[in-house]
Amino acid sequence: MASGLRKASGPHGVPGAYSASGTLEGITGPGRRTVSSLELRKLPPGEDLSVLAAFDDLERLELQYLTDVDLAPLAELGLKHLHIRDASGLDLGPLTRMSALERLVLFNFGDCRVSRLVLSSTLRSLTMVNDDPALAGAPVKQAIEAIEWERLHDLRELVIRVGGLQELRPIEVDLGFLRHLPMLERLDMHTGVHHSDPRPSPFEPPFDGLSKRLEFLRIDAWEPAPLKAALRAYLGIEAGPSVYQRHAYERPAPPWSLGEPTNGRWSVYGSLLRAEEGEHDDTEYDACDRAQRRLRAADEVLLKRLDFDPENAGTAIRAASRTDLENALLILDLTP
């Protein structure tokens, strides 16, 4: 096996899944292994991806935490699935030359260059989401407006979201591009994407251009109840779709801010993993474990009076006493 590659569980138990973290230096190819799925995390800025040309069986690639990396070598790989997460400084232009791509995920991408995206007609699933307090919705809006949607006639699944777990300012775009997607079966656009065009939105009666093949639909609206009933009639279904109440945007408080107590308990929320500034290559849950160990070493009695509630995007810390919470934040070096 090539140096630096680690066997991974793989998506859905698929064999041939491997991962690597940090530089690709020393990795010259798959060796004797069949590598069909590869996850690369925390590549150094400017890392050369051309070594991936040696992975003849590679169909699925996930890139996490990368900056200023040239994606051009990916166009030669014949990838079917590409997942880019927590990325900045990328030129997304090479995506237009990936002729076999079936699934593309762009999750938390900021400061990426994109002008015109002519994605392959083989694409069946597309996800574009920004849900990080350090980002904005502008890159998602830019990507929407750069894509030539008329080439994606056979797209089956589309997920576009700005915020969700985090409170981000919504984007306003012309949702008329949905008229080019008659084969859509799943559409998730429930947070932070608002229609802006003189013409009616495809999410408004008479739903001009909205795919009638939809089996799953999740959106939001100022008046969800009548819209949900009208969509049921349009789609010819008895249950669903999900239409949530839309709320006006409110600028969120900084992470680890102390607000007023709720039900007699004080709480703060933020990302412990992000607070570590890249020191560890794992998850929010792991960062939460480290924070609790740190508190136990400093004040075990205090730790017993705190509640930790981690999730993918961050951790809530709660206490009955404001002083206990302030002392915990001080020990963990967490400031708003």
C-alpha atoms as a PDB file:
ATOM      1  CA  MET A   1       0.000   0.000   0.000  1.00  0.00           C
ATOM      2  CA  ALA A   2       1.267   3.451  -0.851  1.00  0.00           C
ATOM      3  CA  SER A   3       2.729   5.435   2.029  1.00  0.00           C
ATOM      4  CA  GLY A   4       0.250   7.800   3.703  1.00  0.00           C
ATOM      5  CA  LEU A   5      -2.940   6.026   2.643  1.00  0.00           C
ATOM      6  CA  ARG A   6      -5.178   4.594   5.354  1.00  0.00           C
ATOM      7  CA  LYS A   7      -7.963   2.091   4.937  1.00  0.00           C
ATOM      8  CA  ALA A   8     -11.342   3.739   5.548  1.00  0.00           C
ATOM      9  CA  SER A   9     -14.782   2.323   6.159  1.00  0.00           C
ATOM     10  CA  GLY A  10     -15.999   3.867   2.929  1.00  0.00           C
ATOM     11  CA  PRO A  11     -19.416   5.232   2.010  1.00  0.00           C
ATOM     12  CA  HIS A  12     -22.155   2.670   2.633  1.00  0.00           C
ATOM     13  CA  GLY A  13     -19.561  -0.038   3.220  1.00  0.00           C
ATOM     14  CA  VAL A  14     -18.148   0.189  -0.316  1.00  0.00           C
ATOM     15  CA  PRO A  15     -14.758  -1.582  -0.522  1.00  0.00           C
ATOM     16  CA  GLY A  16     -11.734   0.246  -1.850  1.00  0.00           C
ATOM     17  CA  ALA A  17     -12.132   3.331   0.372  1.00  0.00           C
ATOM     18  CA  TYR A  18      -8.988   5.052   1.644  1.00  0.00           C
ATOM     19  CA  SER A  19      -8.060   8.367   3.227  1.00  0.00           C
ATOM     20  CA  ALA A  20      -5.021  10.578   3.766  1.00  0.00           C
ATOM     21  CA  SER A  21      -4.408  13.735   5.755  1.00  0.00           C
ATOM     22  CA  GLY A  22      -1.846  16.440   5.133  1.00  0.00           C
ATOM     23  CA  THR A  23       0.635  16.457   2.283  1.00  0.00           C
ATOM     24  CA  LEU A  24       0.499  13.953  -0.574  1.00  0.00           C
ATOM     25  CA  GLU A  25       4.292  13.824  -0.611  1.00  0.00           C
ATOM     26  CA  GLY A  26       5.409  10.202  -0.656  1.00  0.00           C
ATOM     27  CA  ILE A  27       2.165   8.963  -2.216  1.00  0.00           C
ATOM     28  CA  THR A  28       2.917   7.828  -5.754  1.00  0.00           C
ATOM     29  CA  GLY A  29      -0.185   5.756  -6.448  1.00  0.00           C
ATOM     30  CA  PRO A  30      -2.457   3.090  -5.015  1.00  0.00           C
ATOM     31  CA  GLY A  31       0.195   0.379  -4.965  1.00  0.00           C
ATOM     32  CA  ARG A  32      -1.426  -3.048  -5.199  1.00  0.00           C
ATOM     33  CA  ARG A  33      -4.706  -1.884  -3.730  1.00  0.00           C
ATOM     34  CA  THR A  34      -7.860  -1.004  -5.594  1.00  0.00           C
ATOM     35  CA  VAL A  35      -8.733   2.538  -4.502  1.00  0.00           C
ATOM     36  CA  SER A  36     -12.187   3.505  -5.707  1.00  0.00           C
ATOM     37  CA  SER A  37     -12.948   6.070  -2.996  1.00  0.00           C
ATOM     38  CA  LEU A  38     -10.462   8.540  -1.532  1.00  0.00           C
ATOM     39  CA  GLU A  39     -10.812  11.207   1.164  1.00  0.00           C
ATOM     40  CA  LEU A  40      -8.085  13.847   1.416  1.00  0.00           C
ATOM     41  CA  ARG A  41      -8.090  16.240   4.384  1.00  0.00           C
ATOM     42  CA  LYS A  42      -6.099  19.368   5.162  1.00  0.00           C
ATOM     43  CA  LEU A  43      -3.919  19.502   2.079  1.00  0.00           C
ATOM     44  CA  PRO A  44      -1.234  22.211   2.267  1.00  0.00           C
ATOM     45  CA  PRO A  45      -1.974  25.365   0.222  1.00  0.00           C
ATOM     46  CA  GLY A  46      -0.937  24.845  -3.384  1.00  0.00           C
ATOM     47  CA  GLU A  47      -0.670  21.045  -3.054  1.00  0.00           C
ATOM     48  CA  ASP A  48      -0.238  19.279  -6.418  1.00  0.00           C
ATOM     49  CA  LEU A  49      -3.084  16.845  -7.168  1.00  0.00           C
ATOM     50  CA  SER A  50      -1.505  15.401 -10.320  1.00  0.00           C
ATOM     51  CA  VAL A  51      -0.447  12.241  -8.431  1.00  0.00           C
ATOM     52  CA  LEU A  52      -4.128  11.222  -8.462  1.00  0.00           C
ATOM     53  CA  ALA A  53      -3.756  10.363 -12.162  1.00  0.00           C
ATOM     54  CA  ALA A  54      -2.117   7.125 -10.996  1.00  0.00           C
ATOM     55  CA  PHE A  55      -5.348   6.025  -9.277  1.00  0.00           C
ATOM     56  CA  ASP A  56      -6.981   4.306 -12.240  1.00  0.00           C
ATOM     57  CA  ASP A  57      -9.965   2.939 -10.256  1.00  0.00           C
ATOM     58  CA  LEU A  58     -10.831   6.179  -8.459  1.00  0.00           C
ATOM     59  CA  GLU A  59     -14.522   7.084  -8.819  1.00  0.00           C
ATOM     60  CA  ARG A  60     -15.251   9.039  -5.641  1.00  0.00           C
ATOM     61  CA  LEU A  61     -13.082  11.843  -4.232  1.00  0.00           C
ATOM     62  CA  GLU A  62     -13.700  13.956  -1.140  1.00  0.00           C
ATOM     63  CA  LEU A  63     -11.529  16.994  -0.448  1.00  0.00           C
ATOM     64  CA  GLN A  64     -11.801  18.673   2.955  1.00  0.00           C
ATOM     65  CA  TYR A  65     -10.115  21.770   4.331  1.00  0.00           C
ATOM     66  CA  LEU A  66      -8.133  22.995   1.345  1.00  0.00           C
ATOM     67  CA  THR A  67      -6.949  26.408   0.187  1.00  0.00           C
ATOM     68  CA  ASP A  68      -5.482  27.574  -3.125  1.00  0.00           C
ATOM     69  CA  VAL A  69      -5.299  24.074  -4.607  1.00  0.00           C
ATOM     70  CA  ASP A  70      -5.410  23.685  -8.396  1.00  0.00           C
ATOM     71  CA  LEU A  71      -8.317  21.401  -9.326  1.00  0.00           C
ATOM     72  CA  ALA A  72      -7.224  21.028 -12.969  1.00  0.00           C
ATOM     73  CA  PRO A  73      -5.767  17.494 -12.524  1.00  0.00           C
ATOM     74  CA  LEU A  74      -9.217  16.242 -11.472  1.00  0.00           C
ATOM     75  CA  ALA A  75     -10.512  16.718 -15.013  1.00  0.00           C
ATOM     76  CA  GLU A  76      -8.417  13.755 -16.161  1.00  0.00           C
ATOM     77  CA  LEU A  77      -9.682  11.240 -13.561  1.00  0.00           C
ATOM     78  CA  GLY A  78     -13.108  10.181 -14.772  1.00  0.00           C
ATOM     79  CA  LEU A  79     -14.611  10.842 -11.339  1.00  0.00           C
ATOM     80  CA  LYS A  80     -18.288  10.090 -10.772  1.00  0.00           C
ATOM     81  CA  HIS A  81     -18.587  11.669  -7.304  1.00  0.00           C
ATOM     82  CA  LEU A  82     -16.769  14.804  -6.097  1.00  0.00           C
ATOM     83  CA  HIS A  83     -17.268  16.295  -2.641  1.00  0.00           C
ATOM     84  CA  ILE A  84     -15.472  19.564  -1.765  1.00  0.00           C
ATOM     85  CA  ARG A  85     -15.898  20.780   1.806  1.00  0.00           C
ATOM     86  CA  ASP A  86     -14.471  23.747   3.713  1.00  0.00           C
ATOM     87  CA  ALA A  87     -12.545  25.204   0.792  1.00  0.00           C
ATOM     88  CA  SER A  88     -11.329  28.632  -0.259  1.00  0.00           C
ATOM     89  CA  GLY A  89      -9.205  30.175  -2.961  1.00  0.00           C
ATOM     90  CA  LEU A  90     -10.239  27.591  -5.566  1.00  0.00           C
ATOM     91  CA  ASP A  91     -10.867  28.090  -9.244  1.00  0.00           C
ATOM     92  CA  LEU A  92     -13.996  26.010  -9.921  1.00  0.00           C
ATOM     93  CA  GLY A  93     -13.507  26.218 -13.684  1.00  0.00           C
ATOM     94  CA  PRO A  94     -11.985  22.703 -14.000  1.00  0.00           C
ATOM     95  CA  LEU A  95     -15.346  21.256 -12.893  1.00  0.00           C
ATOM     96  CA  THR A  96     -16.572  21.984 -16.418  1.00  0.00           C
ATOM     97  CA  ARG A  97     -14.154  19.404 -17.842  1.00  0.00           C
ATOM     98  CA  MET A  98     -15.274  16.524 -15.630  1.00  0.00           C
ATOM     99  CA  SER A  99     -17.297  14.704 -18.250  1.00  0.00           C
ATOM    100  CA  ALA A 100     -18.320  11.639 -16.184  1.00  0.00           C
ATOM    101  CA  LEU A 101     -19.444  13.434 -13.019  1.00  0.00           C
ATOM    102  CA  GLU A 102     -22.734  12.198 -11.554  1.00  0.00           C
ATOM    103  CA  ARG A 103     -22.703  13.791  -8.106  1.00  0.00           C
ATOM    104  CA  LEU A 104     -21.162  17.114  -7.047  1.00  0.00           C
ATOM    105  CA  VAL A 105     -21.163  18.531  -3.516  1.00  0.00           C
ATOM    106  CA  LEU A 106     -19.828  21.996  -2.653  1.00  0.00           C
ATOM    107  CA  PHE A 107     -20.201  22.466   1.102  1.00  0.00           C
ATOM    108  CA  ASN A 108     -18.872  25.541   2.886  1.00  0.00           C
ATOM    109  CA  PHE A 109     -16.907  27.146   0.069  1.00  0.00           C
ATOM    110  CA  GLY A 110     -15.742  30.723   0.318  1.00  0.00           C
ATOM    111  CA  ASP A 111     -13.685  33.065  -1.826  1.00  0.00           C
ATOM    112  CA  CYS A 112     -13.752  30.636  -4.769  1.00  0.00           C
ATOM    113  CA  ARG A 113     -13.441  31.836  -8.347  1.00  0.00           C
ATOM    114  CA  VAL A 114     -16.257  30.944 -10.690  1.00  0.00           C
ATOM    115  CA  SER A 115     -17.407  32.676 -13.870  1.00  0.00           C
ATOM    116  CA  ARG A 116     -19.150  30.167 -16.135  1.00  0.00           C
ATOM    117  CA  LEU A 117     -19.902  26.591 -15.089  1.00  0.00           C
ATOM    118  CA  VAL A 118     -20.851  24.228 -17.883  1.00  0.00           C
ATOM    119  CA  LEU A 119     -21.333  21.098 -15.812  1.00  0.00           C
ATOM    120  CA  SER A 120     -21.603  17.701 -17.471  1.00  0.00           C
ATOM    121  CA  SER A 121     -25.017  16.501 -18.605  1.00  0.00           C
ATOM    122  CA  THR A 122     -24.217  13.257 -16.747  1.00  0.00           C
ATOM    123  CA  LEU A 123     -24.792  15.078 -13.436  1.00  0.00           C
ATOM    124  CA  ARG A 124     -27.670  13.597 -11.432  1.00  0.00           C
ATOM    125  CA  SER A 125     -27.153  15.174  -7.994  1.00  0.00           C
ATOM    126  CA  LEU A 126     -25.930  18.666  -7.101  1.00  0.00           C
ATOM    127  CA  THR A 127     -25.484  20.157  -3.626  1.00  0.00           C
ATOM    128  CA  MET A 128     -24.335  23.712  -2.869  1.00  0.00           C
ATOM    129  CA  VAL A 129     -24.476  24.738   0.784  1.00  0.00           C
ATOM    130  CA  ASN A 130     -22.827  27.371   2.949  1.00  0.00           C
ATOM    131  CA  ASP A 131     -23.594  26.873   6.641  1.00  0.00           C
ATOM    132  CA  ASP A 132     -20.649  28.312   8.539  1.00  0.00           C
ATOM    133  CA  PRO A 133     -20.680  31.576  10.545  1.00  0.00           C
ATOM    134  CA  ALA A 134     -17.334  32.498   8.987  1.00  0.00           C
ATOM    135  CA  LEU A 135     -18.884  32.415   5.482  1.00  0.00           C
ATOM    136  CA  ALA A 136     -21.627  34.186   3.560  1.00  0.00           C
ATOM    137  CA  GLY A 137     -24.144  33.186   0.928  1.00  0.00           C
ATOM    138  CA  ALA A 138     -22.405  35.107  -1.874  1.00  0.00           C
ATOM    139  CA  PRO A 139     -20.391  32.110  -3.196  1.00  0.00           C
ATOM    140  CA  VAL A 140     -23.610  30.062  -3.460  1.00  0.00           C
ATOM    141  CA  LYS A 141     -25.341  32.894  -5.325  1.00  0.00           C
ATOM    142  CA  GLN A 142     -22.352  33.268  -7.639  1.00  0.00           C
ATOM    143  CA  ALA A 143     -22.350  29.546  -8.433  1.00  0.00           C
ATOM    144  CA  ILE A 144     -26.099  29.526  -9.124  1.00  0.00           C
ATOM    145  CA  GLU A 145     -25.718  32.388 -11.580  1.00  0.00           C
ATOM    146  CA  ALA A 146     -22.659  30.841 -13.253  1.00  0.00           C
ATOM    147  CA  ILE A 147     -24.168  27.410 -13.974  1.00  0.00           C
ATOM    148  CA  GLU A 148     -25.666  26.744 -17.415  1.00  0.00           C
ATOM    149  CA  TRP A 149     -28.742  24.999 -16.060  1.00  0.00           C
ATOM    150  CA  GLU A 150     -30.138  24.116 -19.480  1.00  0.00           C
ATOM    151  CA  ARG A 151     -27.415  21.441 -19.772  1.00  0.00           C
ATOM    152  CA  LEU A 152     -28.674  19.716 -16.596  1.00  0.00           C
ATOM    153  CA  HIS A 153     -31.955  18.491 -18.057  1.00  0.00           C
ATOM    154  CA  ASP A 154     -31.571  15.072 -16.393  1.00  0.00           C
ATOM    155  CA  LEU A 155     -30.664  16.307 -12.902  1.00  0.00           C
ATOM    156  CA  ARG A 156     -32.587  14.259 -10.300  1.00  0.00           C
ATOM    157  CA  GLU A 157     -31.558  15.843  -6.988  1.00  0.00           C
ATOM    158  CA  LEU A 158     -30.802  19.453  -6.069  1.00  0.00           C
ATOM    159  CA  VAL A 159     -29.865  20.823  -2.643  1.00  0.00           C
ATOM    160  CA  ILE A 160     -29.182  24.549  -2.233  1.00  0.00           C
ATOM    161  CA  ARG A 161     -29.029  26.156   1.197  1.00  0.00           C
ATOM    162  CA  VAL A 162     -27.600  29.206   2.913  1.00  0.00           C
ATOM    163  CA  GLY A 163     -27.567  28.652   6.661  1.00  0.00           C
ATOM    164  CA  GLY A 164     -29.700  26.139   8.483  1.00  0.00           C
ATOM    165  CA  LEU A 165     -27.670  25.262  11.535  1.00  0.00           C
ATOM    166  CA  GLN A 166     -26.133  28.753  11.421  1.00  0.00           C
ATOM    167  CA  GLU A 167     -27.902  32.083  10.906  1.00  0.00           C
ATOM    168  CA  LEU A 168     -26.623  33.510   7.603  1.00  0.00           C
ATOM    169  CA  ARG A 169     -28.088  36.352   5.580  1.00  0.00           C
ATOM    170  CA  PRO A 170     -30.310  34.879   2.808  1.00  0.00           C
ATOM    171  CA  ILE A 171     -29.397  35.300  -0.834  1.00  0.00           C
ATOM    172  CA  GLU A 172     -31.763  36.580  -3.517  1.00  0.00           C
ATOM    173  CA  VAL A 173     -31.577  34.913  -6.928  1.00  0.00           C
ATOM    174  CA  ASP A 174     -33.806  34.247  -9.902  1.00  0.00           C
ATOM    175  CA  LEU A 175     -35.193  30.761  -9.269  1.00  0.00           C
ATOM    176  CA  GLY A 176     -36.323  30.557 -12.867  1.00  0.00           C
ATOM    177  CA  PHE A 177     -33.448  28.141 -13.514  1.00  0.00           C
ATOM    178  CA  LEU A 178     -35.703  25.421 -12.068  1.00  0.00           C
ATOM    179  CA  ARG A 179     -37.616  25.506 -15.358  1.00  0.00           C
ATOM    180  CA  HIS A 180     -34.634  23.776 -16.965  1.00  0.00           C
ATOM    181  CA  LEU A 181     -34.871  20.800 -14.561  1.00  0.00           C
ATOM    182  CA  PRO A 182     -38.005  18.823 -15.499  1.00  0.00           C
ATOM    183  CA  MET A 183     -36.627  15.497 -14.203  1.00  0.00           C
ATOM    184  CA  LEU A 184     -36.048  16.622 -10.616  1.00  0.00           C
ATOM    185  CA  GLU A 185     -37.246  14.112  -8.035  1.00  0.00           C
ATOM    186  CA  ARG A 186     -35.739  15.654  -4.890  1.00  0.00           C
ATOM    187  CA  LEU A 187     -35.456  19.385  -4.213  1.00  0.00           C
ATOM    188  CA  ASP A 188     -34.239  20.825  -0.905  1.00  0.00           C
ATOM    189  CA  MET A 189     -34.080  24.626  -0.727  1.00  0.00           C
ATOM    190  CA  HIS A 190     -35.572  25.257   2.686  1.00  0.00           C
ATOM    191  CA  THR A 191     -33.248  27.904   4.115  1.00  0.00           C
ATOM    192  CA  GLY A 192     -31.751  31.167   2.916  1.00  0.00           C
ATOM    193  CA  VAL A 193     -32.584  31.121  -0.810  1.00  0.00           C
ATOM    194  CA  HIS A 194     -35.189  33.693  -1.887  1.00  0.00           C
ATOM    195  CA  HIS A 195     -36.606  34.408  -5.334  1.00  0.00           C
ATOM    196  CA  SER A 196     -35.756  37.780  -6.871  1.00  0.00           C
ATOM    197  CA  ASP A 197     -37.175  38.461 -10.321  1.00  0.00           C
ATOM    198  CA  PRO A 198     -40.228  40.284 -11.756  1.00  0.00           C
ATOM    199  CA  ARG A 199     -41.592  36.940 -12.935  1.00  0.00           C
ATOM    200  CA  PRO A 200     -43.352  34.709 -10.374  1.00  0.00           C
ATOM    201  CA  SER A 201     -41.273  32.167  -8.507  1.00  0.00           C
ATOM    202  CA  PRO A 202     -41.620  28.513  -9.599  1.00  0.00           C
ATOM    203  CA  PHE A 203     -42.694  27.991  -5.962  1.00  0.00           C
ATOM    204  CA  GLU A 204     -45.769  30.185  -6.487  1.00  0.00           C
ATOM    205  CA  PRO A 205     -48.991  29.119  -8.250  1.00  0.00           C
ATOM    206  CA  PRO A 206     -49.257  28.161 -11.039  1.00  0.00           C
ATOM    207  CA  PHE A 207     -45.742  26.701 -10.310  1.00  0.00           C
ATOM    208  CA  ASP A 208     -44.574  27.352 -13.845  1.00  0.00           C
ATOM    209  CA  GLY A 209     -41.634  25.082 -14.632  1.00  0.00           C
ATOM    210  CA  LEU A 210     -41.535  23.236 -11.300  1.00  0.00           C
ATOM    211  CA  SER A 211     -40.913  19.531 -11.927  1.00  0.00           C
ATOM    212  CA  LYS A 212     -44.022  17.382 -11.496  1.00  0.00           C
ATOM    213  CA  ARG A 213     -41.792  14.379 -10.779  1.00  0.00           C
ATOM    214  CA  LEU A 214     -40.880  15.674  -7.325  1.00  0.00           C
ATOM    215  CA  GLU A 215     -41.119  13.014  -4.628  1.00  0.00           C
ATOM    216  CA  PHE A 216     -39.377  15.164  -1.991  1.00  0.00           C
ATOM    217  CA  LEU A 217     -39.660  18.928  -1.679  1.00  0.00           C
ATOM    218  CA  ARG A 218     -38.511  21.121   1.208  1.00  0.00           C
ATOM    219  CA  ILE A 219     -38.781  24.928   1.064  1.00  0.00           C
ATOM    220  CA  ASP A 220     -39.851  27.845   3.251  1.00  0.00           C
ATOM    221  CA  ALA A 221     -42.449  30.590   2.752  1.00  0.00           C
ATOM    222  CA  TRP A 222     -44.021  33.553   4.509  1.00  0.00           C
ATOM    223  CA  GLU A 223     -47.413  31.795   4.386  1.00  0.00           C
ATOM    224  CA  PRO A 224     -46.625  28.063   4.385  1.00  0.00           C
ATOM    225  CA  ALA A 225     -50.093  26.534   4.913  1.00  0.00           C
ATOM    226  CA  PRO A 226     -51.830  27.670   1.683  1.00  0.00           C
ATOM    227  CA  LEU A 227     -48.669  27.096  -0.338  1.00  0.00           C
ATOM    228  CA  LYS A 228     -48.377  23.553   0.972  1.00  0.00           C
ATOM    229  CA  ALA A 229     -51.979  22.809  -0.024  1.00  0.00           C
ATOM    230  CA  ALA A 230     -51.453  24.263  -3.509  1.00  0.00           C
ATOM    231  CA  LEU A 231     -48.266  22.249  -3.998  1.00  0.00           C
ATOM    232  CA  ARG A 232     -50.053  19.047  -3.006  1.00  0.00           C
ATOM    233  CA  ALA A 233     -52.658  19.673  -5.675  1.00  0.00           C
ATOM    234  CA  TYR A 234     -50.017  20.550  -8.288  1.00  0.00           C
ATOM    235  CA  LEU A 235     -47.879  17.485  -7.559  1.00  0.00           C
ATOM    236  CA  GLY A 236     -50.841  15.165  -7.108  1.00  0.00           C
ATOM    237  CA  ILE A 237     -49.718  13.905  -3.693  1.00  0.00           C
ATOM    238  CA  GLU A 238     -51.570  13.472  -0.408  1.00  0.00           C
ATOM    239  CA  ALA A 239     -48.658  13.935   2.003  1.00  0.00           C
ATOM    240  CA  GLY A 240     -45.893  16.543   1.994  1.00  0.00           C
ATOM    241  CA  PRO A 241     -44.179  18.607   0.780  1.00  0.00           C
ATOM    242  CA  SER A 242     -42.411  20.282   3.716  1.00  0.00           C
ATOM    243  CA  VAL A 243     -43.017  24.045   3.710  1.00  0.00           C
ATOM    244  CA  TYR A 244     -41.489  25.777   6.725  1.00  0.00           C
ATOM    245  CA  GLN A 245     -42.284  29.191   8.131  1.00  0.00           C
ATOM    246  CA  ARG A 246     -39.872  31.792   6.800  1.00  0.00           C
ATOM    247  CA  HIS A 247     -38.436  34.248   9.329  1.00  0.00           C
ATOM    248  CA  ALA A 248     -36.837  37.629   8.883  1.00  0.00           C
ATOM    249  CA  TYR A 249     -33.066  37.552   9.120  1.00  0.00           C
ATOM    250  CA  GLU A 250     -31.577  38.627  12.446  1.00  0.00           C
ATOM    251  CA  ARG A 251     -27.874  39.156  12.815  1.00  0.00           C
ATOM    252  CA  PRO A 252     -26.657  36.386  15.155  1.00  0.00           C
ATOM    253  CA  ALA A 253     -24.690  37.008  18.318  1.00  0.00           C
ATOM    254  CA  PRO A 254     -20.977  36.105  18.177  1.00  0.00           C
ATOM    255  CA  PRO A 255     -20.046  32.552  19.229  1.00  0.00           C
ATOM    256  CA  TRP A 256     -19.810  32.027  23.007  1.00  0.00           C
ATOM    257  CA  SER A 257     -21.999  35.056  23.746  1.00  0.00           C
ATOM    258  CA  LEU A 258     -24.003  34.968  26.957  1.00  0.00           C
ATOM    259  CA  GLY A 259     -27.621  35.972  26.452  1.00  0.00           C
ATOM    260  CA  GLU A 260     -30.511  35.924  28.845  1.00  0.00           C
ATOM    261  CA  PRO A 261     -31.194  32.635  30.690  1.00  0.00           C
ATOM    262  CA  THR A 262     -33.886  30.272  29.396  1.00  0.00           C
ATOM    263  CA  ASN A 263     -35.877  28.180  31.869  1.00  0.00           C
ATOM    264  CA  GLY A 264     -33.450  29.174  34.577  1.00  0.00           C
ATOM    265  CA  ARG A 265     -30.326  28.023  32.716  1.00  0.00           C
ATOM    266  CA  TRP A 266     -27.587  29.990  31.014  1.00  0.00           C
ATOM    267  CA  SER A 267     -26.125  28.792  27.722  1.00  0.00           C
ATOM    268  CA  VAL A 268     -23.528  29.588  25.077  1.00  0.00           C
ATOM    269  CA  TYR A 269     -22.945  28.106  21.624  1.00  0.00           C
ATOM    270  CA  GLY A 270     -19.983  27.916  19.272  1.00  0.00           C
ATOM    271  CA  SER A 271     -17.593  25.522  17.571  1.00  0.00           C
ATOM    272  CA  LEU A 272     -14.950  24.019  19.857  1.00  0.00           C
ATOM    273  CA  LEU A 273     -13.227  22.505  16.825  1.00  0.00           C
ATOM    274  CA  ARG A 274     -12.952  25.892  15.117  1.00  0.00           C
ATOM    275  CA  ALA A 275     -11.681  27.441  18.353  1.00  0.00           C
ATOM    276  CA  GLU A 276      -8.740  25.028  18.199  1.00  0.00           C
ATOM    277  CA  GLU A 277      -7.730  26.701  14.900  1.00  0.00           C
ATOM    278  CA  GLY A 278      -6.923  23.516  13.021  1.00  0.00           C
ATOM    279  CA  GLU A 279      -4.809  21.938  15.733  1.00  0.00           C
ATOM    280  CA  HIS A 280      -6.681  18.631  15.389  1.00  0.00           C
ATOM    281  CA  ASP A 281      -7.976  16.750  12.339  1.00  0.00           C
ATOM    282  CA  ASP A 282     -11.249  15.290  13.596  1.00  0.00           C
ATOM    283  CA  THR A 283     -14.800  16.327  14.537  1.00  0.00           C
ATOM    284  CA  GLU A 284     -16.722  18.648  16.857  1.00  0.00           C
ATOM    285  CA  TYR A 285     -17.516  15.645  19.048  1.00  0.00           C
ATOM    286  CA  ASP A 286     -13.808  14.941  19.524  1.00  0.00           C
ATOM    287  CA  ALA A 287     -13.181  18.612  20.321  1.00  0.00           C
ATOM    288  CA  CYS A 288     -15.964  18.466  22.897  1.00  0.00           C
ATOM    289  CA  ASP A 289     -14.296  15.472  24.564  1.00  0.00           C
ATOM    290  CA  ARG A 290     -11.006  17.377  24.723  1.00  0.00           C
ATOM    291  CA  ALA A 291     -12.723  20.420  26.242  1.00  0.00           C
ATOM    292  CA  GLN A 292     -14.309  18.303  28.959  1.00  0.00           C
ATOM    293  CA  ARG A 293     -10.982  16.647  29.756  1.00  0.00           C
ATOM    294  CA  ARG A 294      -9.407  20.074  30.017  1.00  0.00           C
ATOM    295  CA  LEU A 295     -12.122  21.231  32.405  1.00  0.00           C
ATOM    296  CA  ARG A 296     -11.849  18.053  34.464  1.00  0.00           C
ATOM    297  CA  ALA A 297      -8.149  18.665  34.942  1.00  0.00           C
ATOM    298  CA  ALA A 298      -8.739  22.286  35.948  1.00  0.00           C
ATOM    299  CA  ASP A 299     -11.913  21.983  38.051  1.00  0.00           C
ATOM    300  CA  GLU A 300     -13.686  18.631  38.185  1.00  0.00           C
ATOM    301  CA  VAL A 301     -16.438  19.984  40.443  1.00  0.00           C
ATOM    302  CA  LEU A 302     -17.209  22.731  37.943  1.00  0.00           C
ATOM    303  CA  LEU A 303     -17.397  20.222  35.091  1.00  0.00           C
ATOM    304  CA  LYS A 304     -20.126  18.288  36.932  1.00  0.00           C
ATOM    305  CA  ARG A 305     -22.296  21.426  36.951  1.00  0.00           C
ATOM    306  CA  LEU A 306     -22.063  21.871  33.174  1.00  0.00           C
ATOM    307  CA  ASP A 307     -24.011  20.238  30.332  1.00  0.00           C
ATOM    308  CA  PHE A 308     -22.392  19.790  26.910  1.00  0.00           C
ATOM    309  CA  ASP A 309     -24.498  19.214  23.791  1.00  0.00           C
ATOM    310  CA  PRO A 310     -22.281  18.762  20.691  1.00  0.00           C
ATOM    311  CA  GLU A 311     -23.460  18.494  17.073  1.00  0.00           C
ATOM    312  CA  ASN A 312     -21.690  18.625  13.735  1.00  0.00           C
ATOM    313  CA  ALA A 313     -21.520  22.420  13.527  1.00  0.00           C
ATOM    314  CA  GLY A 314     -20.917  23.355  17.159  1.00  0.00           C
ATOM    315  CA  THR A 315     -21.459  22.710  20.856  1.00  0.00           C
ATOM    316  CA  ALA A 316     -23.900  24.188  23.352  1.00  0.00           C
ATOM    317  CA  ILE A 317     -22.678  24.526  26.937  1.00  0.00           C
ATOM    318  CA  ARG A 318     -25.294  25.103  29.655  1.00  0.00           C
ATOM    319  CA  ALA A 319     -25.221  25.810  33.390  1.00  0.00           C
ATOM    320  CA  ALA A 320     -27.569  26.920  36.128  1.00  0.00           C
ATOM    321  CA  SER A 321     -25.125  29.643  37.145  1.00  0.00           C
ATOM    322  CA  ARG A 322     -23.804  32.443  34.965  1.00  0.00           C
ATOM    323  CA  THR A 323     -20.599  32.426  37.024  1.00  0.00           C
ATOM    324  CA  ASP A 324     -20.037  28.719  36.308  1.00  0.00           C
ATOM    325  CA  LEU A 325     -20.401  29.327  32.595  1.00  0.00           C
ATOM    326  CA  GLU A 326     -18.085  32.335  32.647  1.00  0.00           C
ATOM    327  CA  ASN A 327     -15.464  30.319  34.553  1.00  0.00           C
ATOM    328  CA  ALA A 328     -15.730  27.475  32.036  1.00  0.00           C
ATOM    329  CA  LEU A 329     -15.244  29.879  29.116  1.00  0.00           C
ATOM    330  CA  LEU A 330     -12.225  31.357  30.869  1.00  0.00           C
ATOM    331  CA  ILE A 331     -10.610  27.940  31.358  1.00  0.00           C
ATOM    332  CA  LEU A 332     -11.257  26.994  27.729  1.00  0.00           C
ATOM    333  CA  ASP A 333     -10.048  30.355  26.384  1.00  0.00           C
ATOM    334  CA  LEU A 334     -13.370  30.951  24.663  1.00  0.00           C
ATOM    335  CA  THR A 335     -14.381  34.583  24.134  1.00  0.00           C
ATOM    336  CA  PRO A 336     -17.184  36.152  22.056  1.00  0.00           C
END
